[in-house]
PDB file of N, CA and C in Angstrom:
ATOM      1  N   MET A   1     -20.246  -5.584 -26.597  1.00  0.00           N
ATOM      2  CA  MET A   1     -19.505  -5.642 -27.638  1.00  0.00           C
ATOM      3  C   MET A   1     -18.931  -4.019 -27.611  1.00  0.00           C
ATOM      4  N   LYS A   2     -19.632  -3.052 -26.873  1.00  0.00           N
ATOM      5  CA  LYS A   2     -19.407  -1.714 -26.928  1.00  0.00           C
ATOM      6  C   LYS A   2     -17.749  -2.159 -25.843  1.00  0.00           C
ATOM      7  N   HIS A   3     -18.101  -2.607 -25.061  1.00  0.00           N
ATOM      8  CA  HIS A   3     -16.744  -2.716 -23.885  1.00  0.00           C
ATOM      9  C   HIS A   3     -15.668  -3.416 -24.794  1.00  0.00           C
ATOM     10  N   VAL A   4     -15.699  -4.188 -25.933  1.00  0.00           N
ATOM     11  CA  VAL A   4     -14.845  -5.129 -26.668  1.00  0.00           C
ATOM     12  C   VAL A   4     -13.969  -3.841 -27.589  1.00  0.00           C
ATOM     13  N   ILE A   5     -14.801  -3.124 -27.911  1.00  0.00           N
ATOM     14  CA  ILE A   5     -14.319  -1.984 -28.865  1.00  0.00           C
ATOM     15  C   ILE A   5     -13.620  -1.250 -28.308  1.00  0.00           C
ATOM     16  N   ALA A   6     -13.929  -0.853 -27.031  1.00  0.00           N
ATOM     17  CA  ALA A   6     -13.336   0.368 -26.057  1.00  0.00           C
ATOM     18  C   ALA A   6     -11.835  -0.327 -25.573  1.00  0.00           C
ATOM     19  N   VAL A   7     -11.785  -1.643 -25.271  1.00  0.00           N
ATOM     20  CA  VAL A   7     -10.558  -2.229 -24.569  1.00  0.00           C
ATOM     21  C   VAL A   7      -9.623  -2.152 -26.074  1.00  0.00           C
ATOM     22  N   LEU A   8     -10.079  -2.476 -26.971  1.00  0.00           N
ATOM     23  CA  LEU A   8      -9.280  -2.469 -28.389  1.00  0.00           C
ATOM     24  C   LEU A   8      -8.374  -0.926 -28.727  1.00  0.00           C
ATOM     25  N   TRP A   9      -9.284  -0.303 -28.483  1.00  0.00           N
ATOM     26  CA  TRP A   9      -8.855   1.190 -29.181  1.00  0.00           C
ATOM     27  C   TRP A   9      -7.917   1.374 -27.967  1.00  0.00           C
ATOM     28  N   GLN A  10      -8.031   1.310 -26.386  1.00  0.00           N
ATOM     29  CA  GLN A  10      -7.298   1.710 -25.334  1.00  0.00           C
ATOM     30  C   GLN A  10      -6.154   0.767 -25.504  1.00  0.00           C
ATOM     31  N   THR A  11      -5.839  -0.689 -26.009  1.00  0.00           N
ATOM     32  CA  THR A  11      -5.021  -1.191 -25.605  1.00  0.00           C
ATOM     33  C   THR A  11      -3.703  -0.174 -26.891  1.00  0.00           C
ATOM     34  N   GLY A  12      -4.643  -0.330 -28.386  1.00  0.00           N
ATOM     35  CA  GLY A  12      -3.872   0.264 -29.393  1.00  0.00           C
ATOM     36  C   GLY A  12      -3.346   1.490 -28.869  1.00  0.00           C
ATOM     37  N   LEU A  13      -3.781   2.560 -27.945  1.00  0.00           N
ATOM     38  CA  LEU A  13      -3.765   3.983 -27.272  1.00  0.00           C
ATOM     39  C   LEU A  13      -2.249   3.422 -26.580  1.00  0.00           C
ATOM     40  N   LEU A  14      -2.412   2.595 -25.812  1.00  0.00           N
ATOM     41  CA  LEU A  14      -1.127   2.045 -25.052  1.00  0.00           C
ATOM     42  C   LEU A  14      -0.088   1.235 -25.701  1.00  0.00           C
ATOM     43  N   ILE A  15      -0.212   0.712 -26.703  1.00  0.00           N
ATOM     44  CA  ILE A  15       0.795   0.539 -27.848  1.00  0.00           C
ATOM     45  C   ILE A  15       1.428   1.502 -27.861  1.00  0.00           C
ATOM     46  N   ILE A  16       0.664   2.431 -28.697  1.00  0.00           N
ATOM     47  CA  ILE A  16       1.649   3.432 -29.155  1.00  0.00           C
ATOM     48  C   ILE A  16       2.156   4.595 -27.954  1.00  0.00           C
ATOM     49  N   ALA A  17       1.405   4.379 -27.017  1.00  0.00           N
ATOM     50  CA  ALA A  17       2.166   5.326 -25.919  1.00  0.00           C
ATOM     51  C   ALA A  17       3.213   4.574 -25.507  1.00  0.00           C
ATOM     52  N   ALA A  18       3.464   3.205 -25.477  1.00  0.00           N
ATOM     53  CA  ALA A  18       4.863   2.367 -25.212  1.00  0.00           C
ATOM     54  C   ALA A  18       5.730   2.490 -26.075  1.00  0.00           C
ATOM     55  N   PHE A  19       5.440   2.276 -27.604  1.00  0.00           N
ATOM     56  CA  PHE A  19       6.687   2.755 -28.559  1.00  0.00           C
ATOM     57  C   PHE A  19       7.002   4.368 -28.325  1.00  0.00           C
ATOM     58  N   ALA A  20       5.932   5.516 -28.293  1.00  0.00           N
ATOM     59  CA  ALA A  20       6.707   7.230 -28.005  1.00  0.00           C
ATOM     60  C   ALA A  20       7.093   7.168 -26.939  1.00  0.00           C
ATOM     61  N   GLY A  21       7.047   6.454 -25.784  1.00  0.00           N
ATOM     62  CA  GLY A  21       7.858   6.350 -24.259  1.00  0.00           C
ATOM     63  C   GLY A  21       9.262   5.977 -24.783  1.00  0.00           C
ATOM     64  N   PHE A  22       9.702   4.732 -25.451  1.00  0.00           N
ATOM     65  CA  PHE A  22      10.664   4.186 -25.579  1.00  0.00           C
ATOM     66  C   PHE A  22      11.667   5.044 -26.527  1.00  0.00           C
ATOM     67  N   ILE A  23      10.907   5.489 -27.596  1.00  0.00           N
ATOM     68  CA  ILE A  23      11.467   6.741 -28.464  1.00  0.00           C
ATOM     69  C   ILE A  23      11.762   7.784 -27.863  1.00  0.00           C
ATOM     70  N   ALA A  24      11.152   8.381 -27.032  1.00  0.00           N
ATOM     71  CA  ALA A  24      11.413   9.451 -26.515  1.00  0.00           C
ATOM     72  C   ALA A  24      12.521   9.206 -25.379  1.00  0.00           C
ATOM     73  N   GLY A  25      13.064   7.878 -24.733  1.00  0.00           N
ATOM     74  CA  GLY A  25      13.792   8.045 -23.762  1.00  0.00           C
ATOM     75  C   GLY A  25      15.077   7.361 -24.535  1.00  0.00           C
ATOM     76  N   MET A  26      15.061   7.282 -26.065  1.00  0.00           N
ATOM     77  CA  MET A  26      16.506   6.990 -26.523  1.00  0.00           C
ATOM     78  C   MET A  26      16.730   8.662 -27.477  1.00  0.00           C
ATOM     79  N   LEU A  27      16.041   9.627 -27.602  1.00  0.00           N
ATOM     80  CA  LEU A  27      16.279  10.681 -28.192  1.00  0.00           C
ATOM     81  C   LEU A  27      16.696  11.938 -27.206  1.00  0.00           C
ATOM     82  N   PHE A  28      16.243  11.743 -25.923  1.00  0.00           N
ATOM     83  CA  PHE A  28      16.732  12.712 -24.875  1.00  0.00           C
ATOM     84  C   PHE A  28      17.088  11.627 -23.188  1.00  0.00           C
ATOM     85  N   PRO A  29      18.365  11.615 -23.395  1.00  0.00           N
ATOM     86  CA  PRO A  29      18.982  11.065 -22.667  1.00  0.00           C
ATOM     87  C   PRO A  29      18.722  11.218 -21.313  1.00  0.00           C
ATOM     88  N   ALA A  30      18.408  12.603 -20.683  1.00  0.00           N
ATOM     89  CA  ALA A  30      17.827  13.020 -19.903  1.00  0.00           C
ATOM     90  C   ALA A  30      16.853  12.327 -18.885  1.00  0.00           C
ATOM     91  N   ILE A  31      15.707  11.957 -20.034  1.00  0.00           N
ATOM     92  CA  ILE A  31      14.572  11.320 -19.254  1.00  0.00           C
ATOM     93  C   ILE A  31      14.805   9.826 -19.206  1.00  0.00           C
ATOM     94  N   GLN A  32      15.622   9.280 -19.125  1.00  0.00           N
ATOM     95  CA  GLN A  32      16.190   7.533 -19.941  1.00  0.00           C
ATOM     96  C   GLN A  32      16.127   7.423 -18.338  1.00  0.00           C
ATOM     97  N   ILE A  33      15.377   6.285 -17.800  1.00  0.00           N
ATOM     98  CA  ILE A  33      15.328   5.231 -16.883  1.00  0.00           C
ATOM     99  C   ILE A  33      15.766   3.864 -16.989  1.00  0.00           C
ATOM    100  N   GLN A  34      17.038   3.701 -16.317  1.00  0.00           N
ATOM    101  CA  GLN A  34      17.707   2.394 -16.919  1.00  0.00           C
ATOM    102  C   GLN A  34      17.748   1.568 -15.887  1.00  0.00           C
ATOM    103  N   HIS A  35      18.089   0.138 -15.756  1.00  0.00           N
ATOM    104  CA  HIS A  35      18.514  -0.725 -14.762  1.00  0.00           C
ATOM    105  C   HIS A  35      19.504  -1.813 -15.662  1.00  0.00           C
ATOM    106  N   VAL A  36      20.619  -1.980 -14.836  1.00  0.00           N
ATOM    107  CA  VAL A  36      21.541  -3.203 -15.344  1.00  0.00           C
ATOM    108  C   VAL A  36      20.897  -4.265 -15.051  1.00  0.00           C
ATOM    109  N   MET A  37      20.450  -5.139 -16.231  1.00  0.00           N
ATOM    110  CA  MET A  37      20.911  -6.355 -15.522  1.00  0.00           C
ATOM    111  C   MET A  37      21.575  -7.590 -15.878  1.00  0.00           C
ATOM    112  N   SER A  38      22.576  -7.328 -16.393  1.00  0.00           N
ATOM    113  CA  SER A  38      23.845  -7.860 -16.526  1.00  0.00           C
ATOM    114  C   SER A  38      24.895  -7.039 -16.943  1.00  0.00           C
ATOM    115  N   GLN A  39      26.358  -7.634 -16.396  1.00  0.00           N
ATOM    116  CA  GLN A  39      27.254  -6.710 -16.799  1.00  0.00           C
ATOM    117  C   GLN A  39      28.702  -7.886 -16.587  1.00  0.00           C
ATOM    118  N   THR A  40      29.197  -7.714 -17.967  1.00  0.00           N
ATOM    119  CA  THR A  40      30.335  -8.470 -17.791  1.00  0.00           C
ATOM    120  C   THR A  40      31.486  -7.810 -18.171  1.00  0.00           C
ATOM    121  N   MET A  41      33.215  -8.280 -18.331  1.00  0.00           N
ATOM    122  CA  MET A  41      34.086  -7.619 -19.170  1.00  0.00           C
ATOM    123  C   MET A  41      33.770  -6.787 -20.385  1.00  0.00           C
ATOM    124  N   THR A  42      32.869  -7.404 -21.470  1.00  0.00           N
ATOM    125  CA  THR A  42      32.462  -7.019 -22.812  1.00  0.00           C
ATOM    126  C   THR A  42      31.475  -6.365 -22.614  1.00  0.00           C
ATOM    127  N   HIS A  43      30.578  -6.727 -22.339  1.00  0.00           N
ATOM    128  CA  HIS A  43      28.926  -6.319 -22.419  1.00  0.00           C
ATOM    129  C   HIS A  43      28.335  -5.907 -21.231  1.00  0.00           C
ATOM    130  N   VAL A  44      27.439  -4.844 -21.627  1.00  0.00           N
ATOM    131  CA  VAL A  44      26.174  -4.422 -20.782  1.00  0.00           C
ATOM    132  C   VAL A  44      24.966  -4.475 -21.215  1.00  0.00           C
ATOM    133  N   ARG A  45      24.173  -5.322 -20.986  1.00  0.00           N
ATOM    134  CA  ARG A  45      23.038  -5.319 -20.623  1.00  0.00           C
ATOM    135  C   ARG A  45      21.806  -4.641 -19.588  1.00  0.00           C
ATOM    136  N   THR A  46      21.163  -3.585 -20.253  1.00  0.00           N
ATOM    137  CA  THR A  46      19.959  -2.837 -19.437  1.00  0.00           C
ATOM    138  C   THR A  46      18.950  -2.768 -19.947  1.00  0.00           C
ATOM    139  N   TYR A  47      17.988  -2.604 -18.863  1.00  0.00           N
ATOM    140  CA  TYR A  47      16.341  -2.047 -19.260  1.00  0.00           C
ATOM    141  C   TYR A  47      16.129  -0.824 -19.373  1.00  0.00           C
ATOM    142  N   ASP A  48      15.195  -0.310 -20.027  1.00  0.00           N
ATOM    143  CA  ASP A  48      14.636   0.865 -20.215  1.00  0.00           C
ATOM    144  C   ASP A  48      13.600   0.697 -19.606  1.00  0.00           C
ATOM    145  N   PHE A  49      12.953   1.477 -18.585  1.00  0.00           N
ATOM    146  CA  PHE A  49      11.704   1.839 -18.343  1.00  0.00           C
ATOM    147  C   PHE A  49      10.867   2.903 -18.886  1.00  0.00           C
ATOM    148  N   ASN A  50      11.208   3.367 -19.805  1.00  0.00           N
ATOM    149  CA  ASN A  50      10.803   4.825 -20.122  1.00  0.00           C
ATOM    150  C   ASN A  50       9.090   4.369 -20.803  1.00  0.00           C
ATOM    151  N   TRP A  51       9.021   3.053 -21.116  1.00  0.00           N
ATOM    152  CA  TRP A  51       8.295   2.871 -21.920  1.00  0.00           C
ATOM    153  C   TRP A  51       6.774   2.516 -20.873  1.00  0.00           C
ATOM    154  N   ILE A  52       7.179   1.943 -19.982  1.00  0.00           N
ATOM    155  CA  ILE A  52       6.309   1.582 -19.092  1.00  0.00           C
ATOM    156  C   ILE A  52       5.466   2.868 -18.144  1.00  0.00           C
ATOM    157  N   LEU A  53       6.204   3.967 -18.276  1.00  0.00           N
ATOM    158  CA  LEU A  53       5.957   4.716 -17.552  1.00  0.00           C
ATOM    159  C   LEU A  53       4.813   5.292 -18.452  1.00  0.00           C
ATOM    160  N   ALA A  54       5.534   5.651 -19.474  1.00  0.00           N
ATOM    161  CA  ALA A  54       4.391   6.611 -20.618  1.00  0.00           C
ATOM    162  C   ALA A  54       3.040   5.430 -20.732  1.00  0.00           C
ATOM    163  N   VAL A  55       3.171   4.205 -20.710  1.00  0.00           N
ATOM    164  CA  VAL A  55       1.856   3.415 -20.542  1.00  0.00           C
ATOM    165  C   VAL A  55       0.559   3.818 -19.384  1.00  0.00           C
ATOM    166  N   LEU A  56       1.799   4.399 -18.185  1.00  0.00           N
ATOM    167  CA  LEU A  56       1.134   3.926 -16.479  1.00  0.00           C
ATOM    168  C   LEU A  56       0.314   5.774 -16.838  1.00  0.00           C
ATOM    169  N   LEU A  57       1.201   6.198 -17.883  1.00  0.00           N
ATOM    170  CA  LEU A  57       0.610   7.789 -17.602  1.00  0.00           C
ATOM    171  C   LEU A  57      -0.859   8.121 -18.297  1.00  0.00           C
ATOM    172  N   VAL A  58      -0.458   7.573 -19.709  1.00  0.00           N
ATOM    173  CA  VAL A  58      -1.625   7.085 -20.360  1.00  0.00           C
ATOM    174  C   VAL A  58      -3.016   6.508 -19.665  1.00  0.00           C
ATOM    175  N   TYR A  59      -2.655   5.595 -18.869  1.00  0.00           N
ATOM    176  CA  TYR A  59      -3.756   4.738 -18.235  1.00  0.00           C
ATOM    177  C   TYR A  59      -4.144   5.551 -17.164  1.00  0.00           C
ATOM    178  N   VAL A  60      -3.467   6.157 -16.474  1.00  0.00           N
ATOM    179  CA  VAL A  60      -4.013   7.287 -15.487  1.00  0.00           C
ATOM    180  C   VAL A  60      -4.699   8.477 -16.104  1.00  0.00           C
ATOM    181  N   VAL A  61      -4.535   8.748 -17.305  1.00  0.00           N
ATOM    182  CA  VAL A  61      -5.486   9.924 -17.685  1.00  0.00           C
ATOM    183  C   VAL A  61      -6.668   9.177 -18.396  1.00  0.00           C
ATOM    184  N   LEU A  62      -6.969   7.566 -18.601  1.00  0.00           N
ATOM    185  CA  LEU A  62      -7.731   7.069 -19.146  1.00  0.00           C
ATOM    186  C   LEU A  62      -8.641   7.220 -17.694  1.00  0.00           C
ATOM    187  N   ILE A  63      -8.375   7.046 -17.220  1.00  0.00           N
ATOM    188  CA  ILE A  63      -9.122   6.726 -15.641  1.00  0.00           C
ATOM    189  C   ILE A  63      -9.588   7.918 -15.351  1.00  0.00           C
ATOM    190  N   LEU A  64      -8.568   8.956 -15.479  1.00  0.00           N
ATOM    191  CA  LEU A  64      -9.273  10.379 -14.669  1.00  0.00           C
ATOM    192  C   LEU A  64     -10.658  11.152 -16.198  1.00  0.00           C
ATOM    193  N   ILE A  65     -10.425  10.417 -17.151  1.00  0.00           N
ATOM    194  CA  ILE A  65     -11.323  10.515 -18.352  1.00  0.00           C
ATOM    195  C   ILE A  65     -12.858   9.996 -17.539  1.00  0.00           C
ATOM    196  N   GLY A  66     -12.387   9.163 -17.072  1.00  0.00           N
ATOM    197  CA  GLY A  66     -13.723   8.191 -16.509  1.00  0.00           C
ATOM    198  C   GLY A  66     -14.236   8.608 -15.400  1.00  0.00           C
ATOM    199  N   ALA A  67     -13.676   9.003 -14.455  1.00  0.00           N
ATOM    200  CA  ALA A  67     -14.078  10.031 -13.296  1.00  0.00           C
ATOM    201  C   ALA A  67     -14.895  11.177 -13.852  1.00  0.00           C
ATOM    202  N   VAL A  68     -14.069  11.639 -14.942  1.00  0.00           N
ATOM    203  CA  VAL A  68     -14.793  13.288 -15.300  1.00  0.00           C
ATOM    204  C   VAL A  68     -16.060  13.081 -15.862  1.00  0.00           C
ATOM    205  N   THR A  69     -16.166  11.693 -16.732  1.00  0.00           N
ATOM    206  CA  THR A  69     -17.609  11.388 -17.313  1.00  0.00           C
ATOM    207  C   THR A  69     -18.298  10.838 -16.830  1.00  0.00           C
ATOM    208  N   LYS A  70     -18.007  10.492 -15.303  1.00  0.00           N
ATOM    209  CA  LYS A  70     -18.897   9.873 -14.209  1.00  0.00           C
ATOM    210  C   LYS A  70     -19.091   8.177 -15.090  1.00  0.00           C
ATOM    211  N   GLN A  71     -18.392   7.689 -15.816  1.00  0.00           N
ATOM    212  CA  GLN A  71     -18.145   6.598 -16.289  1.00  0.00           C
ATOM    213  C   GLN A  71     -16.742   5.727 -15.513  1.00  0.00           C
ATOM    214  N   LEU A  72     -16.739   5.579 -13.939  1.00  0.00           N
ATOM    215  CA  LEU A  72     -15.476   5.277 -14.001  1.00  0.00           C
ATOM    216  C   LEU A  72     -15.214   4.064 -14.114  1.00  0.00           C
ATOM    217  N   ARG A  73     -16.295   3.167 -13.488  1.00  0.00           N
ATOM    218  CA  ARG A  73     -16.333   1.798 -13.418  1.00  0.00           C
ATOM    219  C   ARG A  73     -16.117   0.742 -14.882  1.00  0.00           C
ATOM    220  N   PRO A  74     -16.883   1.171 -15.591  1.00  0.00           N
ATOM    221  CA  PRO A  74     -16.506   0.713 -17.216  1.00  0.00           C
ATOM    222  C   PRO A  74     -15.451   1.258 -17.844  1.00  0.00           C
ATOM    223  N   MET A  75     -14.711   2.621 -17.520  1.00  0.00           N
ATOM    224  CA  MET A  75     -13.640   2.658 -17.839  1.00  0.00           C
ATOM    225  C   MET A  75     -12.408   2.142 -17.067  1.00  0.00           C
ATOM    226  N   LEU A  76     -12.732   1.828 -16.094  1.00  0.00           N
ATOM    227  CA  LEU A  76     -11.489   1.463 -15.049  1.00  0.00           C
ATOM    228  C   LEU A  76     -11.682  -0.325 -15.524  1.00  0.00           C
ATOM    229  N   ILE A  77     -12.517  -0.751 -15.504  1.00  0.00           N
ATOM    230  CA  ILE A  77     -12.441  -2.367 -16.544  1.00  0.00           C
ATOM    231  C   ILE A  77     -11.559  -2.468 -17.419  1.00  0.00           C
ATOM    232  N   THR A  78     -12.170  -1.386 -18.494  1.00  0.00           N
ATOM    233  CA  THR A  78     -12.112  -1.491 -19.845  1.00  0.00           C
ATOM    234  C   THR A  78     -10.080  -1.243 -20.175  1.00  0.00           C
ATOM    235  N   ALA A  79      -9.934  -0.128 -19.529  1.00  0.00           N
ATOM    236  CA  ALA A  79      -8.336   0.455 -19.140  1.00  0.00           C
ATOM    237  C   ALA A  79      -7.385  -0.863 -18.699  1.00  0.00           C
ATOM    238  N   THR A  80      -7.751  -1.595 -17.427  1.00  0.00           N
ATOM    239  CA  THR A  80      -7.328  -2.037 -16.594  1.00  0.00           C
ATOM    240  C   THR A  80      -6.724  -3.492 -17.376  1.00  0.00           C
ATOM    241  N   VAL A  81      -8.020  -3.781 -18.357  1.00  0.00           N
ATOM    242  CA  VAL A  81      -7.448  -5.280 -19.083  1.00  0.00           C
ATOM    243  C   VAL A  81      -6.721  -4.707 -20.778  1.00  0.00           C
ATOM    244  N   ALA A  82      -7.062  -3.568 -20.723  1.00  0.00           N
ATOM    245  CA  ALA A  82      -5.921  -2.967 -21.602  1.00  0.00           C
ATOM    246  C   ALA A  82      -4.236  -2.790 -21.546  1.00  0.00           C
ATOM    247  N   LEU A  83      -4.450  -2.340 -20.027  1.00  0.00           N
ATOM    248  CA  LEU A  83      -3.223  -2.364 -19.856  1.00  0.00           C
ATOM    249  C   LEU A  83      -2.776  -3.394 -19.298  1.00  0.00           C
ATOM    250  N   VAL A  84      -3.151  -4.467 -19.336  1.00  0.00           N
ATOM    251  CA  VAL A  84      -2.527  -6.038 -18.950  1.00  0.00           C
ATOM    252  C   VAL A  84      -2.401  -6.737 -19.961  1.00  0.00           C
ATOM    253  N   ILE A  85      -2.952  -6.543 -21.209  1.00  0.00           N
ATOM    254  CA  ILE A  85      -3.208  -6.892 -22.799  1.00  0.00           C
ATOM    255  C   ILE A  85      -1.821  -6.168 -23.058  1.00  0.00           C
ATOM    256  N   THR A  86      -1.418  -5.030 -22.799  1.00  0.00           N
ATOM    257  CA  THR A  86      -0.598  -4.226 -23.594  1.00  0.00           C
ATOM    258  C   THR A  86       0.997  -4.743 -22.745  1.00  0.00           C
ATOM    259  N   ILE A  87       1.020  -4.763 -21.549  1.00  0.00           N
ATOM    260  CA  ILE A  87       2.207  -4.916 -20.816  1.00  0.00           C
ATOM    261  C   ILE A  87       2.492  -6.471 -21.157  1.00  0.00           C
ATOM    262  N   VAL A  88       1.780  -7.556 -20.976  1.00  0.00           N
ATOM    263  CA  VAL A  88       2.108  -8.754 -21.599  1.00  0.00           C
ATOM    264  C   VAL A  88       2.020  -9.009 -22.851  1.00  0.00           C
ATOM    265  N   GLY A  89       1.684  -8.324 -23.583  1.00  0.00           N
ATOM    266  CA  GLY A  89       2.033  -8.593 -25.251  1.00  0.00           C
ATOM    267  C   GLY A  89       3.331  -7.622 -25.448  1.00  0.00           C
ATOM    268  N   LEU A  90       3.594  -7.100 -25.182  1.00  0.00           N
ATOM    269  CA  LEU A  90       4.897  -6.342 -25.214  1.00  0.00           C
ATOM    270  C   LEU A  90       6.141  -6.861 -24.741  1.00  0.00           C
ATOM    271  N   VAL A  91       5.883  -7.436 -23.406  1.00  0.00           N
ATOM    272  CA  VAL A  91       6.903  -8.010 -22.843  1.00  0.00           C
ATOM    273  C   VAL A  91       7.400  -9.599 -23.491  1.00  0.00           C
ATOM    274  N   ALA A  92       6.028 -10.211 -23.531  1.00  0.00           N
ATOM    275  CA  ALA A  92       6.109 -11.684 -23.804  1.00  0.00           C
ATOM    276  C   ALA A  92       6.596 -11.473 -25.578  1.00  0.00           C
ATOM    277  N   PHE A  93       6.479 -10.565 -26.292  1.00  0.00           N
ATOM    278  CA  PHE A  93       6.649 -10.401 -27.738  1.00  0.00           C
ATOM    279  C   PHE A  93       7.443  -9.591 -28.203  1.00  0.00           C
ATOM    280  N   THR A  94       8.096  -8.890 -27.575  1.00  0.00           N
ATOM    281  CA  THR A  94       8.955  -8.201 -28.161  1.00  0.00           C
ATOM    282  C   THR A  94      10.332  -7.808 -26.954  1.00  0.00           C
ATOM    283  N   GLN A  95      11.091  -7.430 -27.587  1.00  0.00           N
ATOM    284  CA  GLN A  95      12.538  -7.193 -26.575  1.00  0.00           C
ATOM    285  C   GLN A  95      12.390  -5.364 -26.631  1.00  0.00           C
ATOM    286  N   ILE A  96      10.951  -5.048 -26.085  1.00  0.00           N
ATOM    287  CA  ILE A  96      11.050  -3.347 -26.211  1.00  0.00           C
ATOM    288  C   ILE A  96      11.895  -2.906 -24.867  1.00  0.00           C
ATOM    289  N   GLY A  97      12.814  -2.060 -24.684  1.00  0.00           N
ATOM    290  CA  GLY A  97      13.510  -1.954 -22.994  1.00  0.00           C
ATOM    291  C   GLY A  97      15.184  -2.492 -23.217  1.00  0.00           C
ATOM    292  N   ILE A  98      15.084  -3.495 -23.899  1.00  0.00           N
ATOM    293  CA  ILE A  98      16.404  -4.023 -23.274  1.00  0.00           C
ATOM    294  C   ILE A  98      17.581  -3.690 -24.489  1.00  0.00           C
ATOM    295  N   LYS A  99      18.660  -3.132 -23.825  1.00  0.00           N
ATOM    296  CA  LYS A  99      19.824  -2.560 -24.830  1.00  0.00           C
ATOM    297  C   LYS A  99      21.062  -3.477 -24.161  1.00  0.00           C
ATOM    298  N   GLU A 100      21.805  -4.135 -25.276  1.00  0.00           N
ATOM    299  CA  GLU A 100      22.975  -4.591 -25.148  1.00  0.00           C
ATOM    300  C   GLU A 100      24.140  -3.462 -25.879  1.00  0.00           C
ATOM    301  N   VAL A 101      25.070  -3.234 -24.976  1.00  0.00           N
ATOM    302  CA  VAL A 101      26.389  -2.575 -25.304  1.00  0.00           C
ATOM    303  C   VAL A 101      27.496  -3.237 -25.255  1.00  0.00           C
ATOM    304  N   SER A 102      28.469  -2.917 -26.161  1.00  0.00           N
ATOM    305  CA  SER A 102      29.785  -3.762 -26.165  1.00  0.00           C
ATOM    306  C   SER A 102      30.778  -2.799 -25.350  1.00  0.00           C
ATOM    307  N   ILE A 103      31.660  -3.410 -24.681  1.00  0.00           N
ATOM    308  CA  ILE A 103      32.577  -2.379 -24.237  1.00  0.00           C
ATOM    309  C   ILE A 103      33.949  -2.966 -24.949  1.00  0.00           C
ATOM    310  N   SER A 104      34.480  -1.793 -25.852  1.00  0.00           N
ATOM    311  CA  SER A 104      35.857  -2.457 -26.068  1.00  0.00           C
ATOM    312  C   SER A 104      36.940  -1.506 -25.445  1.00  0.00           C
TER     313      SER A 104
END
């Protein structure tokens, strides 16, 4: 039960980090990391990777906390499960990071 609660709060923390990274990329174009997915004469569709970088940064911090508190194995398992749940959930159920721009 303790591990389930740890996975839930870590998943919530990673989701908050994903949205914070996405918003930071929108507010500060200098830190924006994009990949052009498709381009036509009138539209450009890009994917922003800022949210994934923010999630991975929080994941590394969680692992470091586990190493410092000498509970690396439980923290590694719960943080990895939370990371997978967060990435799969956000990619499958939202379109976070996808931008379409019309060129006129």
